[in-house]
């Protein structure tokens, strides 16, 4: 683990292999690590130090910026670990959300309101669980509860509709012609999405953080 923030040097002990240590030794290591955090994070609980130290530079700086604004500091750390490029507004919305499901929409900087399309097929619990499985495959550190909440959130509405439509199309299609058309549609869409990801630095960085992208 290491602290990536420019201007905050990486201590040698932070990159050595973890060895068996008693609690007092662990406390001393945590204190030394914490001294290298940005000033707003130098008084955080010692139990959070390892998780914070593993964050990417951009995520660490955002955590320091919102430390006094978030209502759930552990959740903020977890979100920044999984989504290091999340914007401040979305991070605070997620960490300060009320109610049972607090993993709400993860917004892009600008979201255009699109005209309503034909009403999609009703997504089933099976589709939601399938999408949650995909999220965990893409982001292996994402907890199961977070994957299921995110899969059913408004942020993933379009993805869930597509998962449902694809399932129904595969179940109801008996024609070789239609099956090949579906295959061609997905193949061409994959190509277009890859071009869009490569052209957008934010998308590309997010793709590299997942298990989806091979370069």
C-alpha atoms as a PDB file:
ATOM      1  CA  UNK A   1       0.000   0.000   0.000  1.00  0.00           C
ATOM      2  CA  UNK A   2       1.178   3.523  -0.557  1.00  0.00           C
ATOM      3  CA  UNK A   3       0.147   7.135  -0.442  1.00  0.00           C
ATOM      4  CA  UNK A   4       0.111   8.427  -4.009  1.00  0.00           C
ATOM      5  CA  UNK A   5      -0.433  12.129  -3.496  1.00  0.00           C
ATOM      6  CA  UNK A   6       2.169  14.275  -5.164  1.00  0.00           C
ATOM      7  CA  UNK A   7       4.094  16.151  -2.525  1.00  0.00           C
ATOM      8  CA  UNK A   8       3.510  13.496   0.115  1.00  0.00           C
ATOM      9  CA  UNK A   9       6.497  11.126  -0.041  1.00  0.00           C
ATOM     10  CA  UNK A  10       6.001   7.370   0.050  1.00  0.00           C
ATOM     11  CA  UNK A  11       7.528   5.943   3.228  1.00  0.00           C
ATOM     12  CA  UNK A  12       9.781   2.946   2.684  1.00  0.00           C
ATOM     13  CA  UNK A  13       7.921   0.902   5.271  1.00  0.00           C
ATOM     14  CA  UNK A  14       4.656   1.360   3.374  1.00  0.00           C
ATOM     15  CA  UNK A  15       5.933  -0.680   0.420  1.00  0.00           C
ATOM     16  CA  UNK A  16       7.573  -3.490   2.366  1.00  0.00           C
ATOM     17  CA  UNK A  17       5.713  -6.818   2.517  1.00  0.00           C
ATOM     18  CA  UNK A  18       3.263  -7.116   5.386  1.00  0.00           C
ATOM     19  CA  UNK A  19       4.731  -9.119   8.245  1.00  0.00           C
ATOM     20  CA  UNK A  20       3.255 -10.387  11.464  1.00  0.00           C
ATOM     21  CA  UNK A  21       3.005  -7.465  13.859  1.00  0.00           C
ATOM     22  CA  UNK A  22       1.492  -6.905  17.253  1.00  0.00           C
ATOM     23  CA  UNK A  23      -1.111  -4.212  17.836  1.00  0.00           C
ATOM     24  CA  UNK A  24       1.371  -1.658  19.161  1.00  0.00           C
ATOM     25  CA  UNK A  25       3.588  -2.072  16.098  1.00  0.00           C
ATOM     26  CA  UNK A  26       0.550  -1.736  13.880  1.00  0.00           C
ATOM     27  CA  UNK A  27      -0.474   1.492  15.640  1.00  0.00           C
ATOM     28  CA  UNK A  28       2.982   2.945  15.148  1.00  0.00           C
ATOM     29  CA  UNK A  29       2.926   2.031  11.457  1.00  0.00           C
ATOM     30  CA  UNK A  30      -0.516   3.586  11.054  1.00  0.00           C
ATOM     31  CA  UNK A  31       0.667   6.784  12.741  1.00  0.00           C
ATOM     32  CA  UNK A  32       3.675   7.052  10.441  1.00  0.00           C
ATOM     33  CA  UNK A  33       1.482   6.488   7.393  1.00  0.00           C
ATOM     34  CA  UNK A  34      -1.068   9.030   8.571  1.00  0.00           C
ATOM     35  CA  UNK A  35       1.598  11.724   8.883  1.00  0.00           C
ATOM     36  CA  UNK A  36       1.998  11.554   5.087  1.00  0.00           C
ATOM     37  CA  UNK A  37      -1.681  12.127   4.341  1.00  0.00           C
ATOM     38  CA  UNK A  38      -2.936  15.551   3.218  1.00  0.00           C
ATOM     39  CA  UNK A  39      -3.528  17.758   6.314  1.00  0.00           C
ATOM     40  CA  UNK A  40      -7.334  17.270   6.466  1.00  0.00           C
ATOM     41  CA  UNK A  41      -6.784  13.513   6.843  1.00  0.00           C
ATOM     42  CA  UNK A  42      -4.052  13.563   9.474  1.00  0.00           C
ATOM     43  CA  UNK A  43      -6.519  13.132  12.342  1.00  0.00           C
ATOM     44  CA  UNK A  44      -8.538  10.243  10.926  1.00  0.00           C
ATOM     45  CA  UNK A  45      -9.062   7.101  12.998  1.00  0.00           C
ATOM     46  CA  UNK A  46      -6.056   4.797  12.855  1.00  0.00           C
ATOM     47  CA  UNK A  47      -8.276   1.907  11.812  1.00  0.00           C
ATOM     48  CA  UNK A  48      -8.958   3.717   8.506  1.00  0.00           C
ATOM     49  CA  UNK A  49      -5.335   4.377   7.623  1.00  0.00           C
ATOM     50  CA  UNK A  50      -4.625   1.251   5.560  1.00  0.00           C
ATOM     51  CA  UNK A  51      -7.730   1.728   3.428  1.00  0.00           C
ATOM     52  CA  UNK A  52      -6.953   5.408   2.845  1.00  0.00           C
ATOM     53  CA  UNK A  53      -3.319   4.713   2.017  1.00  0.00           C
ATOM     54  CA  UNK A  54      -4.362   2.329  -0.764  1.00  0.00           C
ATOM     55  CA  UNK A  55      -6.393   4.982  -2.606  1.00  0.00           C
ATOM     56  CA  UNK A  56      -5.229   6.487  -5.864  1.00  0.00           C
ATOM     57  CA  UNK A  57      -3.930  10.052  -5.804  1.00  0.00           C
ATOM     58  CA  UNK A  58      -7.046  11.635  -7.312  1.00  0.00           C
ATOM     59  CA  UNK A  59      -9.269   9.725  -4.877  1.00  0.00           C
ATOM     60  CA  UNK A  60      -7.105  10.637  -1.890  1.00  0.00           C
ATOM     61  CA  UNK A  61      -7.295  14.326  -2.726  1.00  0.00           C
ATOM     62  CA  UNK A  62     -11.078  14.185  -3.109  1.00  0.00           C
ATOM     63  CA  UNK A  63     -11.402  12.366   0.221  1.00  0.00           C
ATOM     64  CA  UNK A  64      -9.391  15.127   1.889  1.00  0.00           C
ATOM     65  CA  UNK A  65     -11.694  17.700   0.308  1.00  0.00           C
ATOM     66  CA  UNK A  66     -14.963  16.142   1.522  1.00  0.00           C
ATOM     67  CA  UNK A  67     -13.857  14.705   4.877  1.00  0.00           C
ATOM     68  CA  UNK A  68     -15.918  17.258   6.834  1.00  0.00           C
ATOM     69  CA  UNK A  69     -18.908  17.078   4.495  1.00  0.00           C
ATOM     70  CA  UNK A  70     -19.610  13.346   4.372  1.00  0.00           C
ATOM     71  CA  UNK A  71     -21.934  11.604   6.800  1.00  0.00           C
ATOM     72  CA  UNK A  72     -20.324   8.206   6.238  1.00  0.00           C
ATOM     73  CA  UNK A  73     -16.542   8.353   6.062  1.00  0.00           C
ATOM     74  CA  UNK A  74     -16.083   4.544   5.664  1.00  0.00           C
ATOM     75  CA  UNK A  75     -18.554   4.527   2.761  1.00  0.00           C
ATOM     76  CA  UNK A  76     -16.683   7.414   1.119  1.00  0.00           C
ATOM     77  CA  UNK A  77     -13.432   5.438   1.316  1.00  0.00           C
ATOM     78  CA  UNK A  78     -15.081   2.350  -0.165  1.00  0.00           C
ATOM     79  CA  UNK A  79     -16.656   4.316  -3.026  1.00  0.00           C
ATOM     80  CA  UNK A  80     -13.381   6.038  -3.857  1.00  0.00           C
ATOM     81  CA  UNK A  81     -11.605   2.691  -3.840  1.00  0.00           C
ATOM     82  CA  UNK A  82     -14.081   1.260  -6.367  1.00  0.00           C
ATOM     83  CA  UNK A  83     -14.714   4.467  -8.360  1.00  0.00           C
ATOM     84  CA  UNK A  84     -11.559   6.618  -8.033  1.00  0.00           C
ATOM     85  CA  UNK A  85     -12.810   9.070 -10.701  1.00  0.00           C
ATOM     86  CA  UNK A  86     -16.223   9.718  -9.142  1.00  0.00           C
ATOM     87  CA  UNK A  87     -17.043  13.421  -8.961  1.00  0.00           C
ATOM     88  CA  UNK A  88     -17.538  15.300  -5.697  1.00  0.00           C
ATOM     89  CA  UNK A  89     -21.277  15.856  -6.134  1.00  0.00           C
ATOM     90  CA  UNK A  90     -21.990  12.179  -6.740  1.00  0.00           C
ATOM     91  CA  UNK A  91     -19.740  11.067  -3.901  1.00  0.00           C
ATOM     92  CA  UNK A  92     -21.499  13.303  -1.375  1.00  0.00           C
ATOM     93  CA  UNK A  93     -24.905  12.298  -2.704  1.00  0.00           C
ATOM     94  CA  UNK A  94     -24.073   8.619  -2.228  1.00  0.00           C
ATOM     95  CA  UNK A  95     -22.429   8.916   1.179  1.00  0.00           C
ATOM     96  CA  UNK A  96     -25.104  11.229   2.586  1.00  0.00           C
ATOM     97  CA  UNK A  97     -28.107   9.375   1.141  1.00  0.00           C
ATOM     98  CA  UNK A  98     -30.854   8.382   3.536  1.00  0.00           C
ATOM     99  CA  UNK A  99     -32.754   5.111   3.673  1.00  0.00           C
ATOM    100  CA  UNK A 100     -31.941   1.452   3.112  1.00  0.00           C
ATOM    101  CA  UNK A 101     -30.564   1.841  -0.425  1.00  0.00           C
ATOM    102  CA  UNK A 102     -27.874   4.476  -0.338  1.00  0.00           C
ATOM    103  CA  UNK A 103     -26.010   3.562  -3.549  1.00  0.00           C
ATOM    104  CA  UNK A 104     -27.917   5.967  -5.778  1.00  0.00           C
ATOM    105  CA  UNK A 105     -27.185   7.339  -9.238  1.00  0.00           C
ATOM    106  CA  UNK A 106     -23.533   7.879 -10.085  1.00  0.00           C
ATOM    107  CA  UNK A 107     -23.721  10.934 -12.310  1.00  0.00           C
ATOM    108  CA  UNK A 108     -21.453  11.954 -15.128  1.00  0.00           C
ATOM    109  CA  UNK A 109     -20.453  15.670 -15.171  1.00  0.00           C
ATOM    110  CA  UNK A 110     -23.238  16.462 -17.634  1.00  0.00           C
ATOM    111  CA  UNK A 111     -26.277  14.292 -18.259  1.00  0.00           C
ATOM    112  CA  UNK A 112     -28.539  15.267 -21.126  1.00  0.00           C
ATOM    113  CA  UNK A 113     -32.210  14.471 -20.773  1.00  0.00           C
ATOM    114  CA  UNK A 114     -33.158  12.229 -23.647  1.00  0.00           C
ATOM    115  CA  UNK A 115     -36.639  11.837 -25.139  1.00  0.00           C
ATOM    116  CA  UNK A 116     -38.657   8.918 -23.857  1.00  0.00           C
ATOM    117  CA  UNK A 117     -38.225   5.759 -25.907  1.00  0.00           C
ATOM    118  CA  UNK A 118     -40.630   2.902 -26.306  1.00  0.00           C
ATOM    119  CA  UNK A 119     -41.432   1.403 -22.918  1.00  0.00           C
ATOM    120  CA  UNK A 120     -38.865  -1.332 -22.274  1.00  0.00           C
ATOM    121  CA  UNK A 121     -39.667  -4.842 -21.159  1.00  0.00           C
ATOM    122  CA  UNK A 122     -40.093  -5.193 -17.416  1.00  0.00           C
ATOM    123  CA  UNK A 123     -36.814  -6.236 -15.845  1.00  0.00           C
ATOM    124  CA  UNK A 124     -37.002  -9.277 -13.599  1.00  0.00           C
ATOM    125  CA  UNK A 125     -35.160 -10.090 -10.389  1.00  0.00           C
ATOM    126  CA  UNK A 126     -33.121 -12.483 -12.506  1.00  0.00           C
ATOM    127  CA  UNK A 127     -31.966  -9.580 -14.714  1.00  0.00           C
ATOM    128  CA  UNK A 128     -31.006  -7.502 -11.669  1.00  0.00           C
ATOM    129  CA  UNK A 129     -28.989 -10.340 -10.157  1.00  0.00           C
ATOM    130  CA  UNK A 130     -27.347 -11.004 -13.531  1.00  0.00           C
ATOM    131  CA  UNK A 131     -26.326  -7.343 -13.775  1.00  0.00           C
ATOM    132  CA  UNK A 132     -25.021  -7.472 -10.192  1.00  0.00           C
ATOM    133  CA  UNK A 133     -22.927 -10.522 -11.156  1.00  0.00           C
ATOM    134  CA  UNK A 134     -21.460  -8.542 -14.052  1.00  0.00           C
ATOM    135  CA  UNK A 135     -20.612  -5.594 -11.800  1.00  0.00           C
ATOM    136  CA  UNK A 136     -18.753  -7.862  -9.402  1.00  0.00           C
ATOM    137  CA  UNK A 137     -16.868  -9.433 -12.301  1.00  0.00           C
ATOM    138  CA  UNK A 138     -15.904  -5.982 -13.576  1.00  0.00           C
ATOM    139  CA  UNK A 139     -14.995  -4.650 -10.103  1.00  0.00           C
ATOM    140  CA  UNK A 140     -13.842  -7.586  -7.995  1.00  0.00           C
ATOM    141  CA  UNK A 141     -13.575  -5.530  -4.791  1.00  0.00           C
ATOM    142  CA  UNK A 142     -17.217  -4.423  -4.914  1.00  0.00           C
ATOM    143  CA  UNK A 143     -19.248  -5.970  -2.061  1.00  0.00           C
ATOM    144  CA  UNK A 144     -22.248  -8.054  -3.103  1.00  0.00           C
ATOM    145  CA  UNK A 145     -24.738  -5.782  -1.347  1.00  0.00           C
ATOM    146  CA  UNK A 146     -23.309  -2.771  -3.175  1.00  0.00           C
ATOM    147  CA  UNK A 147     -23.464  -4.585  -6.537  1.00  0.00           C
ATOM    148  CA  UNK A 148     -27.122  -5.501  -6.058  1.00  0.00           C
ATOM    149  CA  UNK A 149     -28.067  -2.002  -4.870  1.00  0.00           C
ATOM    150  CA  UNK A 150     -26.228  -0.404  -7.761  1.00  0.00           C
ATOM    151  CA  UNK A 151     -27.762  -2.827 -10.288  1.00  0.00           C
ATOM    152  CA  UNK A 152     -31.249  -1.783  -9.160  1.00  0.00           C
ATOM    153  CA  UNK A 153     -30.477   1.948  -8.938  1.00  0.00           C
ATOM    154  CA  UNK A 154     -31.569   4.643 -11.375  1.00  0.00           C
ATOM    155  CA  UNK A 155     -27.976   5.012 -12.559  1.00  0.00           C
ATOM    156  CA  UNK A 156     -28.109   1.520 -14.063  1.00  0.00           C
ATOM    157  CA  UNK A 157     -31.646   1.753 -15.451  1.00  0.00           C
ATOM    158  CA  UNK A 158     -30.568   1.685 -19.102  1.00  0.00           C
ATOM    159  CA  UNK A 159     -28.119  -1.163 -18.536  1.00  0.00           C
ATOM    160  CA  UNK A 160     -30.799  -3.184 -16.737  1.00  0.00           C
ATOM    161  CA  UNK A 161     -33.277  -2.558 -19.562  1.00  0.00           C
ATOM    162  CA  UNK A 162     -30.712  -3.796 -22.073  1.00  0.00           C
ATOM    163  CA  UNK A 163     -29.978  -6.903 -20.009  1.00  0.00           C
ATOM    164  CA  UNK A 164     -33.701  -7.641 -19.888  1.00  0.00           C
ATOM    165  CA  UNK A 165     -34.213  -6.998 -23.618  1.00  0.00           C
ATOM    166  CA  UNK A 166     -31.270  -9.217 -24.544  1.00  0.00           C
ATOM    167  CA  UNK A 167     -32.554 -12.046 -22.351  1.00  0.00           C
ATOM    168  CA  UNK A 168     -36.020 -11.847 -23.917  1.00  0.00           C
ATOM    169  CA  UNK A 169     -34.620 -11.620 -27.451  1.00  0.00           C
ATOM    170  CA  UNK A 170     -32.474 -14.710 -26.918  1.00  0.00           C
ATOM    171  CA  UNK A 171     -35.345 -16.656 -25.374  1.00  0.00           C
ATOM    172  CA  UNK A 172     -37.851 -15.771 -28.103  1.00  0.00           C
ATOM    173  CA  UNK A 173     -35.620 -15.893 -31.174  1.00  0.00           C
ATOM    174  CA  UNK A 174     -35.638 -19.149 -33.128  1.00  0.00           C
ATOM    175  CA  UNK A 175     -34.472 -17.763 -36.449  1.00  0.00           C
ATOM    176  CA  UNK A 176     -30.843 -18.088 -37.517  1.00  0.00           C
ATOM    177  CA  UNK A 177     -31.210 -14.820 -39.443  1.00  0.00           C
ATOM    178  CA  UNK A 178     -32.442 -12.873 -36.416  1.00  0.00           C
ATOM    179  CA  UNK A 179     -29.794 -14.454 -34.196  1.00  0.00           C
ATOM    180  CA  UNK A 180     -27.045 -13.369 -36.603  1.00  0.00           C
ATOM    181  CA  UNK A 181     -28.552  -9.877 -36.772  1.00  0.00           C
ATOM    182  CA  UNK A 182     -28.405  -9.685 -32.984  1.00  0.00           C
ATOM    183  CA  UNK A 183     -24.808 -10.845 -33.057  1.00  0.00           C
ATOM    184  CA  UNK A 184     -23.921  -8.222 -35.668  1.00  0.00           C
ATOM    185  CA  UNK A 185     -25.672  -5.526 -33.620  1.00  0.00           C
ATOM    186  CA  UNK A 186     -23.676  -6.383 -30.482  1.00  0.00           C
ATOM    187  CA  UNK A 187     -20.416  -6.658 -32.413  1.00  0.00           C
ATOM    188  CA  UNK A 188     -20.864  -3.256 -34.063  1.00  0.00           C
ATOM    189  CA  UNK A 189     -22.007  -1.680 -30.776  1.00  0.00           C
ATOM    190  CA  UNK A 190     -18.926  -3.072 -29.021  1.00  0.00           C
ATOM    191  CA  UNK A 191     -16.711  -1.476 -31.669  1.00  0.00           C
ATOM    192  CA  UNK A 192     -18.424   1.910 -31.334  1.00  0.00           C
ATOM    193  CA  UNK A 193     -18.252   1.821 -27.529  1.00  0.00           C
ATOM    194  CA  UNK A 194     -14.542   0.991 -27.609  1.00  0.00           C
ATOM    195  CA  UNK A 195     -13.936   3.993 -29.873  1.00  0.00           C
ATOM    196  CA  UNK A 196     -15.909   6.254 -27.530  1.00  0.00           C
ATOM    197  CA  UNK A 197     -14.001   4.978 -24.493  1.00  0.00           C
ATOM    198  CA  UNK A 198     -10.617   5.513 -26.172  1.00  0.00           C
ATOM    199  CA  UNK A 199     -11.623   9.052 -27.146  1.00  0.00           C
ATOM    200  CA  UNK A 200     -12.631  10.034 -23.616  1.00  0.00           C
ATOM    201  CA  UNK A 201      -9.780  10.100 -21.036  1.00  0.00           C
ATOM    202  CA  UNK A 202     -12.220   9.787 -18.137  1.00  0.00           C
ATOM    203  CA  UNK A 203     -13.921   6.741 -19.678  1.00  0.00           C
ATOM    204  CA  UNK A 204     -10.552   5.212 -20.544  1.00  0.00           C
ATOM    205  CA  UNK A 205      -9.190   5.631 -17.033  1.00  0.00           C
ATOM    206  CA  UNK A 206     -12.344   4.086 -15.568  1.00  0.00           C
ATOM    207  CA  UNK A 207     -12.087   1.165 -18.002  1.00  0.00           C
ATOM    208  CA  UNK A 208      -8.500   0.533 -16.947  1.00  0.00           C
ATOM    209  CA  UNK A 209      -9.640   0.279 -13.321  1.00  0.00           C
ATOM    210  CA  UNK A 210     -11.991  -2.562 -14.204  1.00  0.00           C
ATOM    211  CA  UNK A 211     -11.418  -6.107 -15.416  1.00  0.00           C
ATOM    212  CA  UNK A 212     -13.002  -5.291 -18.780  1.00  0.00           C
ATOM    213  CA  UNK A 213     -10.220  -3.521 -20.614  1.00  0.00           C
ATOM    214  CA  UNK A 214      -7.333  -5.238 -22.392  1.00  0.00           C
ATOM    215  CA  UNK A 215      -4.628  -3.146 -24.012  1.00  0.00           C
END
